[in-house]
Amino acid sequence: MPQDSLVSIAGLVCRLAGRTALDGVTLSIEPGSLFGLVGPNGAGKTTLLRAVAGAVGPESGTVLVAGFIPHATPPPELARVMAALPQHPSAPGGMTVQEIVAWGRSPHLGRLRPLGEKDREAVDEALARTGTSGLADRMVAQLSGGERHRVMIARALAQSPRILLLDEPTVHLDIGHQVEIMETLRSITRRGTTAVAALHDLNLAAAYCDGLALLSRGRLISQGTPSQVLTPSLIQEAYGTGVAVRMNSATGRPYLVAAAPAVATETGPCVHVICGGGTGADALAHLVRSGYRVSVGVVHVMDADDEAARLLGLRVVEEAPFSPISADAAAEASRLARGADAVLVAPVPIGPGNLRNLDVAEAALDGGVPVVVVGASAGGDFAAGLAGKRILELVAKGACLTEDLGTALAAVARAAPVVAHRQEEGKRA
């Protein structure tokens, strides 16, 4: 365990109502960090916070907070080191914000002792650090949900704690207030206070936390930076669901995208899809769910359909962002299209940069592959009329022109039926 850890937990086992809520958890939290506890419902996040707060004693293992054993330390003494904010903190509506925040000085005051100068300074600083100074004279009952959360954080900070524990501080808040709370927490950690928060939203945790602990069924799956913890394999292990992890180029932090429930097949007839700008995402998912092998291209890297194809695990021919489709990329896509059982041209806008995708469709037609086109340049002709003309030429060569995507998918199913293909495979086997 690092010597400079503010929180040190080793082999922690906690039992609640006869069941094991935490099973051998070992982790450490460094001073001045914003540390997130993540994991599915019932993972043990709240129990771990309560163990750190001293509200739950361990069956075995140890918990040390700033050198204190929480469950064996008198609450007033522990409150000078640590403040805890429950998931649904209560605040009497008949009090002002300043009065509520002043409550946080209770651990430092004798019985019935009034606030001194140092106490008032602590209250003012807590209000300032949470951006609630302008609310000081407002009644708590008049505050919005986000404002009330920030005021309760201010009350906790008025204790002058070294560590702040928060259980789901963003729960039931809209995205604006969620960001507001996380910005507040990041701000206070930069001033030296350590914040440990149980968080439900993995992307908020990834965007704001310095370190994460991923829990599942009371066990620690992983601890580290967001990039180390939020990986597809670890998320699959903890949550039992697939995700794709992308990197935010502006922040250098990861973000998660739910993977589609469909899983690409290695058998069945193949459909090559020409799309872009999100025009093919629904079709790709539908085709995969229906049992088709699917290839895609040419699409540009970072395009919505490129993202969708990669989430589905499909073969994709890509071109660099904002670049015209190269001859090499078009040739590779044409090879895939000629080897497919059908080609679907989604209602993608066509301009000079992606006009070569119609060469891909034509190559498939010339090779005897059925081609289904959604609309005559339905996505928009931005090639001075050339796109519409080329599509009509494809139709003249035998391509099937449909009015909408649903009709196009039905036409693909007739051209390359999945059931018949599988029956033939079964006979050959």
Protein backbone atom coordinates (compact mmCIF):
# COMPACT_ATOMS: atom_id res chain seq x y z
CA MET A 1 0.00 0.00 0.00
CA PRO A 2 1.50 3.39 -0.96
CA GLN A 3 2.82 5.28 2.06
CA ASP A 4 1.16 8.54 0.98
CA SER A 5 -2.34 7.01 0.60
CA LEU A 6 -5.04 8.93 2.43
CA VAL A 7 -7.32 5.89 2.34
CA SER A 8 -5.82 2.42 2.64
CA ILE A 9 -8.02 -0.66 2.46
CA ALA A 10 -6.64 -4.19 2.68
CA GLY A 11 -8.53 -7.47 2.38
CA LEU A 12 -11.81 -5.85 3.43
CA VAL A 13 -14.70 -8.25 4.03
CA CYS A 14 -18.08 -6.87 5.14
CA ARG A 15 -21.28 -8.80 5.71
CA LEU A 16 -24.74 -7.24 5.75
CA ALA A 17 -27.92 -9.13 6.65
CA GLY A 18 -26.12 -12.44 6.40
CA ARG A 19 -24.62 -11.89 2.95
CA THR A 20 -21.13 -10.90 1.88
CA ALA A 21 -21.35 -7.31 0.64
CA LEU A 22 -17.58 -6.81 0.21
CA ASP A 23 -15.26 -9.71 -0.41
CA GLY A 24 -11.52 -9.11 0.03
CA VAL A 25 -11.35 -5.56 -1.36
CA THR A 26 -7.89 -3.98 -1.38
CA LEU A 27 -7.34 -0.47 -2.74
CA SER A 28 -5.71 2.87 -1.97
CA ILE A 29 -6.67 6.48 -2.64
CA GLU A 30 -4.11 9.26 -2.90
CA PRO A 31 -4.61 12.70 -1.36
CA GLY A 32 -6.09 15.45 -3.50
CA SER A 33 -7.70 13.12 -6.03
CA LEU A 34 -11.24 12.75 -7.32
CA PHE A 35 -11.75 9.01 -6.99
CA GLY A 36 -14.77 7.16 -8.37
CA LEU A 37 -16.35 3.90 -7.26
CA VAL A 38 -18.16 2.34 -10.23
CA GLY A 39 -19.95 -0.90 -10.85
CA PRO A 40 -23.44 -2.32 -11.38
CA ASN A 41 -26.23 -2.13 -8.83
CA GLY A 42 -25.41 -4.29 -5.82
CA ALA A 43 -21.67 -4.19 -6.56
CA GLY A 44 -20.81 -2.89 -3.08
CA LYS A 45 -20.13 0.79 -3.81
CA THR A 46 -22.31 2.18 -1.02
CA THR A 47 -21.09 -0.44 1.46
CA LEU A 48 -17.50 0.50 0.69
CA LEU A 49 -18.28 4.17 1.30
CA ARG A 50 -19.96 3.28 4.61
CA ALA A 51 -16.95 1.20 5.63
CA VAL A 52 -14.64 4.15 4.93
CA ALA A 53 -17.02 6.40 6.88
CA GLY A 54 -16.97 4.03 9.85
CA ALA A 55 -20.69 3.21 9.61
CA VAL A 56 -19.94 -0.44 8.79
CA GLY A 57 -17.34 -2.47 10.64
CA PRO A 58 -15.35 -5.10 8.74
CA GLU A 59 -15.66 -8.80 9.41
CA SER A 60 -12.01 -9.00 8.43
CA GLY A 61 -9.42 -6.79 6.79
CA THR A 62 -8.50 -3.20 7.57
CA VAL A 63 -9.57 0.33 6.70
CA LEU A 64 -7.36 3.32 7.50
CA VAL A 65 -8.33 6.94 6.78
CA ALA A 66 -5.61 9.49 7.49
CA GLY A 67 -4.24 7.05 10.05
CA PHE A 68 -7.61 6.54 11.79
CA ILE A 69 -9.55 3.28 12.01
CA PRO A 70 -12.98 4.70 11.11
CA HIS A 71 -15.32 2.29 12.90
CA ALA A 72 -13.21 2.52 16.08
CA THR A 73 -12.89 6.34 16.11
CA PRO A 74 -15.37 8.57 18.02
CA PRO A 75 -17.65 10.29 15.43
CA PRO A 76 -16.79 13.87 16.48
CA GLU A 77 -13.09 13.15 16.07
CA LEU A 78 -13.62 11.42 12.72
CA ALA A 79 -15.83 14.29 11.52
CA ARG A 80 -12.86 16.66 11.75
CA VAL A 81 -11.11 14.54 9.13
CA MET A 82 -13.93 13.26 6.98
CA ALA A 83 -17.36 14.40 5.76
CA ALA A 84 -19.96 12.15 4.17
CA LEU A 85 -22.83 13.09 1.89
CA PRO A 86 -25.56 10.43 1.48
CA GLN A 87 -27.40 9.80 -1.77
CA HIS A 88 -30.44 11.82 -0.66
CA PRO A 89 -29.20 14.43 1.85
CA SER A 90 -31.97 16.19 3.74
CA ALA A 91 -32.08 19.90 4.50
CA PRO A 92 -34.82 21.70 6.46
CA GLY A 93 -36.64 24.01 4.08
CA GLY A 94 -37.10 26.75 6.68
CA MET A 95 -33.40 27.59 6.80
CA THR A 96 -31.21 29.75 4.63
CA VAL A 97 -28.29 28.36 2.67
CA GLN A 98 -25.81 30.07 4.98
CA GLU A 99 -27.47 28.52 8.04
CA ILE A 100 -27.37 25.05 6.48
CA VAL A 101 -23.71 25.38 5.53
CA ALA A 102 -22.87 26.63 9.04
CA TRP A 103 -24.09 23.30 10.40
CA GLY A 104 -20.94 21.84 8.96
CA ARG A 105 -18.93 23.55 11.71
CA SER A 106 -20.62 21.44 14.44
CA PRO A 107 -17.68 19.03 14.91
CA HIS A 108 -15.41 21.99 15.70
CA LEU A 109 -17.74 23.71 18.17
CA GLY A 110 -18.37 23.02 21.81
CA ARG A 111 -21.90 22.50 23.00
CA LEU A 112 -23.99 25.64 22.30
CA ARG A 113 -20.88 27.55 21.31
CA PRO A 114 -21.59 30.21 18.64
CA LEU A 115 -19.62 30.52 15.42
CA GLY A 116 -16.30 32.24 15.80
CA GLU A 117 -14.32 34.15 13.23
CA LYS A 118 -12.52 31.00 12.04
CA ASP A 119 -15.85 29.22 11.68
CA ARG A 120 -17.37 32.03 9.63
CA GLU A 121 -14.29 32.04 7.41
CA ALA A 122 -14.73 28.29 6.85
CA VAL A 123 -18.39 28.77 5.91
CA ASP A 124 -17.57 31.59 3.49
CA GLU A 125 -14.81 29.51 1.91
CA ALA A 126 -17.12 26.50 1.52
CA LEU A 127 -19.71 28.68 -0.19
CA ALA A 128 -17.08 30.16 -2.49
CA ARG A 129 -15.56 26.77 -3.40
CA THR A 130 -18.94 25.41 -4.45
CA GLY A 131 -20.10 28.54 -6.26
CA THR A 132 -22.99 29.06 -3.85
CA SER A 133 -21.99 32.39 -2.26
CA GLY A 134 -24.73 34.11 -4.25
CA LEU A 135 -27.29 31.76 -2.70
CA ALA A 136 -26.32 32.44 0.92
CA ASP A 137 -29.49 34.33 1.82
CA ARG A 138 -31.86 32.11 -0.19
CA MET A 139 -34.16 29.66 1.54
CA VAL A 140 -33.15 26.05 0.87
CA ALA A 141 -36.72 25.21 -0.20
CA GLN A 142 -36.37 27.67 -3.10
CA LEU A 143 -33.34 25.94 -4.66
CA SER A 144 -33.20 23.73 -7.72
CA GLY A 145 -31.95 20.16 -7.41
CA GLY A 146 -28.46 21.04 -8.63
CA GLU A 147 -28.22 24.07 -6.35
CA ARG A 148 -29.34 22.01 -3.35
CA HIS A 149 -26.68 19.39 -4.08
CA ARG A 150 -23.97 22.04 -4.24
CA VAL A 151 -25.18 23.56 -0.97
CA MET A 152 -24.98 20.16 0.75
CA ILE A 153 -21.45 19.74 -0.58
CA ALA A 154 -20.67 23.19 0.85
CA ARG A 155 -22.02 22.09 4.23
CA ALA A 156 -19.72 19.07 4.14
CA LEU A 157 -16.75 21.26 3.13
CA ALA A 158 -17.46 23.60 6.04
CA GLN A 159 -16.29 20.75 8.28
CA SER A 160 -12.81 21.38 6.79
CA PRO A 161 -12.41 17.66 6.06
CA ARG A 162 -9.42 16.10 4.37
CA ILE A 163 -11.71 13.64 2.61
CA LEU A 164 -15.25 13.98 1.28
CA LEU A 165 -17.40 10.88 0.67
CA LEU A 166 -20.36 11.14 -1.72
CA ASP A 167 -22.91 8.46 -2.61
CA GLU A 168 -24.29 9.03 -6.13
CA PRO A 169 -24.00 12.85 -6.02
CA THR A 170 -25.45 13.20 -9.54
CA VAL A 171 -28.42 10.84 -9.17
CA HIS A 172 -31.75 12.14 -10.55
CA LEU A 173 -30.10 15.30 -11.92
CA ASP A 174 -30.23 16.39 -15.56
CA ILE A 175 -27.01 16.48 -17.56
CA GLY A 176 -26.45 20.20 -16.90
CA HIS A 177 -26.61 19.74 -13.14
CA GLN A 178 -24.54 16.55 -13.32
CA VAL A 179 -21.73 18.43 -15.04
CA GLU A 180 -22.14 21.26 -12.53
CA ILE A 181 -21.66 18.87 -9.58
CA MET A 182 -18.69 17.09 -11.16
CA GLU A 183 -17.02 20.42 -11.98
CA THR A 184 -17.53 21.43 -8.34
CA LEU A 185 -15.92 18.21 -7.10
CA ARG A 186 -12.98 18.59 -9.45
CA SER A 187 -12.54 22.18 -8.29
CA ILE A 188 -12.42 21.28 -4.60
CA THR A 189 -9.89 18.49 -5.16
CA ARG A 190 -7.59 20.98 -6.83
CA ARG A 191 -7.63 22.84 -3.53
CA GLY A 192 -6.42 19.74 -1.69
CA THR A 193 -9.60 18.00 -0.51
CA THR A 194 -9.90 14.35 -1.55
CA ALA A 195 -13.30 13.33 -2.92
CA VAL A 196 -14.49 9.74 -3.18
CA ALA A 197 -17.78 9.30 -5.03
CA ALA A 198 -19.90 6.32 -5.92
CA LEU A 199 -21.00 7.02 -9.49
CA HIS A 200 -23.53 5.38 -11.74
CA ASP A 201 -22.64 7.12 -15.02
CA LEU A 202 -19.43 5.64 -16.42
CA ASN A 203 -18.89 8.47 -18.88
CA LEU A 204 -19.10 11.08 -16.11
CA ALA A 205 -16.61 8.99 -14.13
CA ALA A 206 -14.31 8.74 -17.15
CA ALA A 207 -14.49 12.47 -17.84
CA TYR A 208 -13.80 13.72 -14.32
CA CYS A 209 -12.16 11.13 -12.06
CA ASP A 210 -8.41 10.82 -11.51
CA GLY A 211 -8.77 7.20 -10.42
CA LEU A 212 -11.46 4.54 -10.44
CA ALA A 213 -12.26 1.31 -8.64
CA LEU A 214 -14.52 -1.08 -10.56
CA LEU A 215 -16.58 -3.37 -8.31
CA SER A 216 -18.84 -6.30 -9.07
CA ARG A 217 -20.63 -8.57 -6.60
CA GLY A 218 -18.59 -7.19 -3.74
CA ARG A 219 -15.22 -7.84 -5.33
CA LEU A 220 -12.71 -5.39 -6.77
CA ILE A 221 -12.34 -6.03 -10.50
CA SER A 222 -9.80 -3.30 -11.22
CA GLN A 223 -8.29 -0.07 -9.87
CA GLY A 224 -6.42 2.53 -11.89
CA THR A 225 -6.92 5.46 -14.23
CA PRO A 226 -10.14 5.65 -16.28
CA SER A 227 -8.25 4.36 -19.33
CA GLN A 228 -6.96 1.37 -17.35
CA VAL A 229 -10.29 0.49 -15.75
CA LEU A 230 -12.88 1.26 -18.42
CA THR A 231 -11.89 -1.36 -20.98
CA PRO A 232 -14.34 -3.52 -22.97
CA SER A 233 -13.18 -6.72 -21.28
CA LEU A 234 -13.44 -5.35 -17.73
CA ILE A 235 -16.84 -3.77 -18.41
CA GLN A 236 -18.02 -7.08 -19.84
CA GLU A 237 -16.79 -8.87 -16.72
CA ALA A 238 -18.44 -6.44 -14.31
CA TYR A 239 -21.67 -5.56 -16.14
CA GLY A 240 -22.13 -8.51 -18.48
CA THR A 241 -22.59 -6.25 -21.48
CA GLY A 242 -20.52 -5.21 -24.45
CA VAL A 243 -19.22 -1.69 -24.95
CA ALA A 244 -16.86 0.05 -27.31
CA VAL A 245 -14.32 2.47 -25.87
CA ARG A 246 -13.43 5.61 -27.79
CA MET A 247 -10.96 8.37 -26.94
CA ASN A 248 -12.03 11.99 -26.66
CA SER A 249 -9.38 13.77 -28.72
CA ALA A 250 -9.98 17.05 -26.87
CA THR A 251 -9.48 15.66 -23.35
CA GLY A 252 -7.47 12.50 -23.92
CA ARG A 253 -10.00 10.62 -21.78
CA PRO A 254 -12.03 7.56 -22.77
CA TYR A 255 -15.75 7.43 -23.32
CA LEU A 256 -17.99 4.41 -23.67
CA VAL A 257 -20.53 3.56 -26.34
CA ALA A 258 -22.95 0.69 -25.87
CA ALA A 259 -22.33 -2.04 -28.41
CA ALA A 260 -25.34 -3.17 -30.38
CA PRO A 261 -26.90 -6.42 -29.15
CA ALA A 262 -26.56 -7.90 -32.60
CA VAL A 263 -23.46 -9.99 -33.20
CA ALA A 264 -21.94 -10.29 -36.65
CA THR A 265 -22.20 -13.79 -38.10
CA GLU A 266 -19.50 -15.65 -40.00
CA THR A 267 -22.04 -17.59 -42.08
CA GLY A 268 -25.05 -16.72 -44.19
CA PRO A 269 -25.31 -14.68 -47.38
CA CYS A 270 -23.29 -11.48 -47.59
CA VAL A 271 -24.62 -7.97 -48.18
CA HIS A 272 -22.30 -5.08 -48.99
CA VAL A 273 -23.68 -1.73 -47.84
CA ILE A 274 -22.77 1.63 -49.34
CA CYS A 275 -23.72 4.36 -46.86
CA GLY A 276 -22.44 7.33 -44.88
CA GLY A 277 -23.45 10.06 -42.47
CA GLY A 278 -25.62 7.70 -40.41
CA THR A 279 -27.83 6.68 -43.35
CA GLY A 280 -26.82 3.02 -43.00
CA ALA A 281 -26.69 2.44 -39.24
CA ASP A 282 -30.21 1.04 -38.92
CA ALA A 283 -29.78 -1.12 -42.00
CA LEU A 284 -26.48 -2.54 -40.72
CA ALA A 285 -28.00 -3.55 -37.40
CA HIS A 286 -31.09 -5.03 -39.12
CA LEU A 287 -29.01 -7.07 -41.56
CA VAL A 288 -26.76 -8.45 -38.83
CA ARG A 289 -29.74 -9.38 -36.65
CA SER A 290 -31.30 -11.10 -39.66
CA GLY A 291 -28.28 -13.37 -40.04
CA TYR A 292 -26.38 -11.74 -42.90
CA ARG A 293 -22.67 -11.29 -43.19
CA VAL A 294 -22.17 -7.60 -43.87
CA SER A 295 -19.38 -5.50 -45.34
CA VAL A 296 -19.38 -1.73 -45.58
CA GLY A 297 -17.65 0.88 -47.67
CA VAL A 298 -16.27 3.13 -48.58
CA VAL A 299 -16.97 5.23 -45.45
CA HIS A 300 -14.87 7.91 -43.83
CA VAL A 301 -13.14 7.38 -40.50
CA MET A 302 -15.19 8.95 -37.65
CA ASP A 303 -18.33 8.92 -39.81
CA ALA A 304 -21.42 7.74 -37.88
CA ASP A 305 -21.79 4.70 -40.14
CA ASP A 306 -18.11 3.86 -39.68
CA GLU A 307 -18.69 3.88 -35.91
CA ALA A 308 -21.80 1.73 -36.27
CA ALA A 309 -20.02 -0.79 -38.48
CA ARG A 310 -17.13 -1.11 -36.08
CA LEU A 311 -19.44 -1.56 -33.10
CA LEU A 312 -21.05 -4.45 -34.99
CA GLY A 313 -17.68 -5.98 -35.82
CA LEU A 314 -18.14 -5.65 -39.58
CA ARG A 315 -15.58 -5.56 -42.38
CA VAL A 316 -15.18 -1.88 -43.30
CA VAL A 317 -13.33 -0.14 -46.10
CA GLU A 318 -12.36 3.29 -44.78
CA GLU A 319 -11.06 6.54 -46.16
CA ALA A 320 -9.35 9.31 -44.19
CA PRO A 321 -11.69 11.93 -42.72
CA PHE A 322 -12.72 14.75 -45.08
CA SER A 323 -10.78 13.19 -47.97
CA PRO A 324 -12.08 12.12 -51.39
CA ILE A 325 -12.40 8.36 -51.81
CA SER A 326 -9.17 7.10 -53.28
CA ALA A 327 -8.88 4.68 -56.18
CA ASP A 328 -7.37 2.06 -53.85
CA ALA A 329 -10.24 2.30 -51.35
CA ALA A 330 -12.81 2.12 -54.15
CA ALA A 331 -11.06 -0.93 -55.61
CA GLU A 332 -11.10 -2.71 -52.24
CA ALA A 333 -14.80 -1.94 -51.74
CA SER A 334 -15.54 -3.09 -55.28
CA ARG A 335 -13.84 -6.42 -54.54
CA LEU A 336 -16.08 -6.90 -51.50
CA ALA A 337 -19.19 -5.84 -53.43
CA ARG A 338 -18.48 -8.25 -56.30
CA GLY A 339 -18.09 -11.07 -53.77
CA ALA A 340 -21.36 -10.26 -51.99
CA ASP A 341 -24.78 -11.84 -52.55
CA ALA A 342 -26.41 -8.39 -52.72
CA VAL A 343 -25.45 -4.72 -52.48
CA LEU A 344 -27.51 -2.08 -50.71
CA VAL A 345 -27.02 1.61 -51.53
CA ALA A 346 -28.42 3.64 -48.62
CA PRO A 347 -29.82 7.16 -49.14
CA VAL A 348 -26.42 8.72 -48.64
CA PRO A 349 -25.69 12.26 -49.85
CA ILE A 350 -23.42 12.02 -52.91
CA GLY A 351 -20.83 14.65 -53.73
CA PRO A 352 -17.49 14.74 -55.54
CA GLY A 353 -15.75 13.24 -52.50
CA ASN A 354 -17.76 10.02 -52.37
CA LEU A 355 -18.95 9.71 -55.97
CA ARG A 356 -16.66 6.70 -56.38
CA ASN A 357 -19.02 4.71 -54.18
CA LEU A 358 -21.31 4.52 -57.21
CA ASP A 359 -18.40 2.91 -59.08
CA VAL A 360 -18.49 0.26 -56.35
CA ALA A 361 -22.20 -0.37 -56.99
CA GLU A 362 -21.62 -0.52 -60.73
CA ALA A 363 -18.78 -3.02 -60.33
CA ALA A 364 -21.15 -5.28 -58.38
CA LEU A 365 -23.83 -5.02 -61.09
CA ASP A 366 -21.28 -5.80 -63.80
CA GLY A 367 -20.34 -8.90 -61.78
CA GLY A 368 -23.93 -10.11 -61.65
CA VAL A 369 -24.62 -9.10 -58.04
CA PRO A 370 -28.12 -7.70 -57.32
CA VAL A 371 -28.00 -4.03 -56.33
CA VAL A 372 -30.77 -2.31 -54.37
CA VAL A 373 -30.80 1.50 -54.30
CA VAL A 374 -32.83 3.62 -51.88
CA GLY A 375 -34.23 6.50 -53.93
CA ALA A 376 -32.70 8.27 -56.89
CA SER A 377 -30.10 10.28 -54.98
CA ALA A 378 -32.50 10.41 -52.02
CA GLY A 379 -29.80 11.68 -49.70
CA GLY A 380 -29.03 14.63 -51.92
CA ASP A 381 -27.09 15.15 -55.14
CA PHE A 382 -24.14 17.43 -54.42
CA ALA A 383 -22.25 16.46 -57.55
CA ALA A 384 -23.92 18.90 -59.95
CA GLY A 385 -26.55 16.34 -61.00
CA LEU A 386 -24.00 13.63 -61.75
CA ALA A 387 -25.03 11.46 -58.79
CA GLY A 388 -28.68 11.28 -59.87
CA LYS A 389 -27.61 10.54 -63.43
CA ARG A 390 -25.29 7.74 -62.32
CA ILE A 391 -28.01 6.14 -60.16
CA LEU A 392 -30.45 6.15 -63.09
CA GLU A 393 -27.75 4.48 -65.17
CA LEU A 394 -27.46 1.80 -62.48
CA VAL A 395 -31.21 1.25 -62.64
CA ALA A 396 -31.01 0.97 -66.43
CA LYS A 397 -28.41 -1.76 -65.90
CA GLY A 398 -30.75 -3.70 -63.63
CA ALA A 399 -30.43 -2.18 -60.15
CA CYS A 400 -33.62 -2.22 -58.07
CA LEU A 401 -34.78 1.30 -57.17
CA THR A 402 -36.87 1.52 -53.99
CA GLU A 403 -38.65 4.39 -52.28
CA ASP A 404 -37.49 3.81 -48.70
CA LEU A 405 -35.14 1.76 -46.57
CA GLY A 406 -37.79 -0.71 -45.42
CA THR A 407 -38.69 -1.59 -49.01
CA ALA A 408 -34.99 -1.84 -49.84
CA LEU A 409 -34.33 -4.31 -47.03
CA ALA A 410 -37.25 -6.43 -48.21
CA ALA A 411 -35.76 -6.41 -51.71
CA VAL A 412 -32.38 -7.50 -50.30
CA ALA A 413 -34.09 -10.36 -48.44
CA ARG A 414 -35.68 -11.53 -51.69
CA ALA A 415 -32.39 -11.29 -53.57
CA ALA A 416 -30.37 -13.11 -50.91
CA PRO A 417 -32.67 -15.06 -48.56
CA VAL A 418 -31.03 -16.16 -45.32
CA VAL A 419 -33.20 -19.23 -44.71
CA ALA A 420 -32.60 -20.78 -48.11
CA HIS A 421 -28.86 -20.21 -47.77
CA ARG A 422 -28.76 -21.94 -44.40
CA GLN A 423 -30.82 -24.86 -45.65
CA GLU A 424 -28.41 -25.36 -48.54
CA GLU A 425 -25.47 -25.27 -46.15
CA GLY A 426 -27.15 -27.91 -44.01
CA LYS A 427 -27.62 -30.19 -47.03
CA ARG A 428 -23.97 -29.83 -48.04
CA ALA A 429 -22.88 -30.63 -44.48
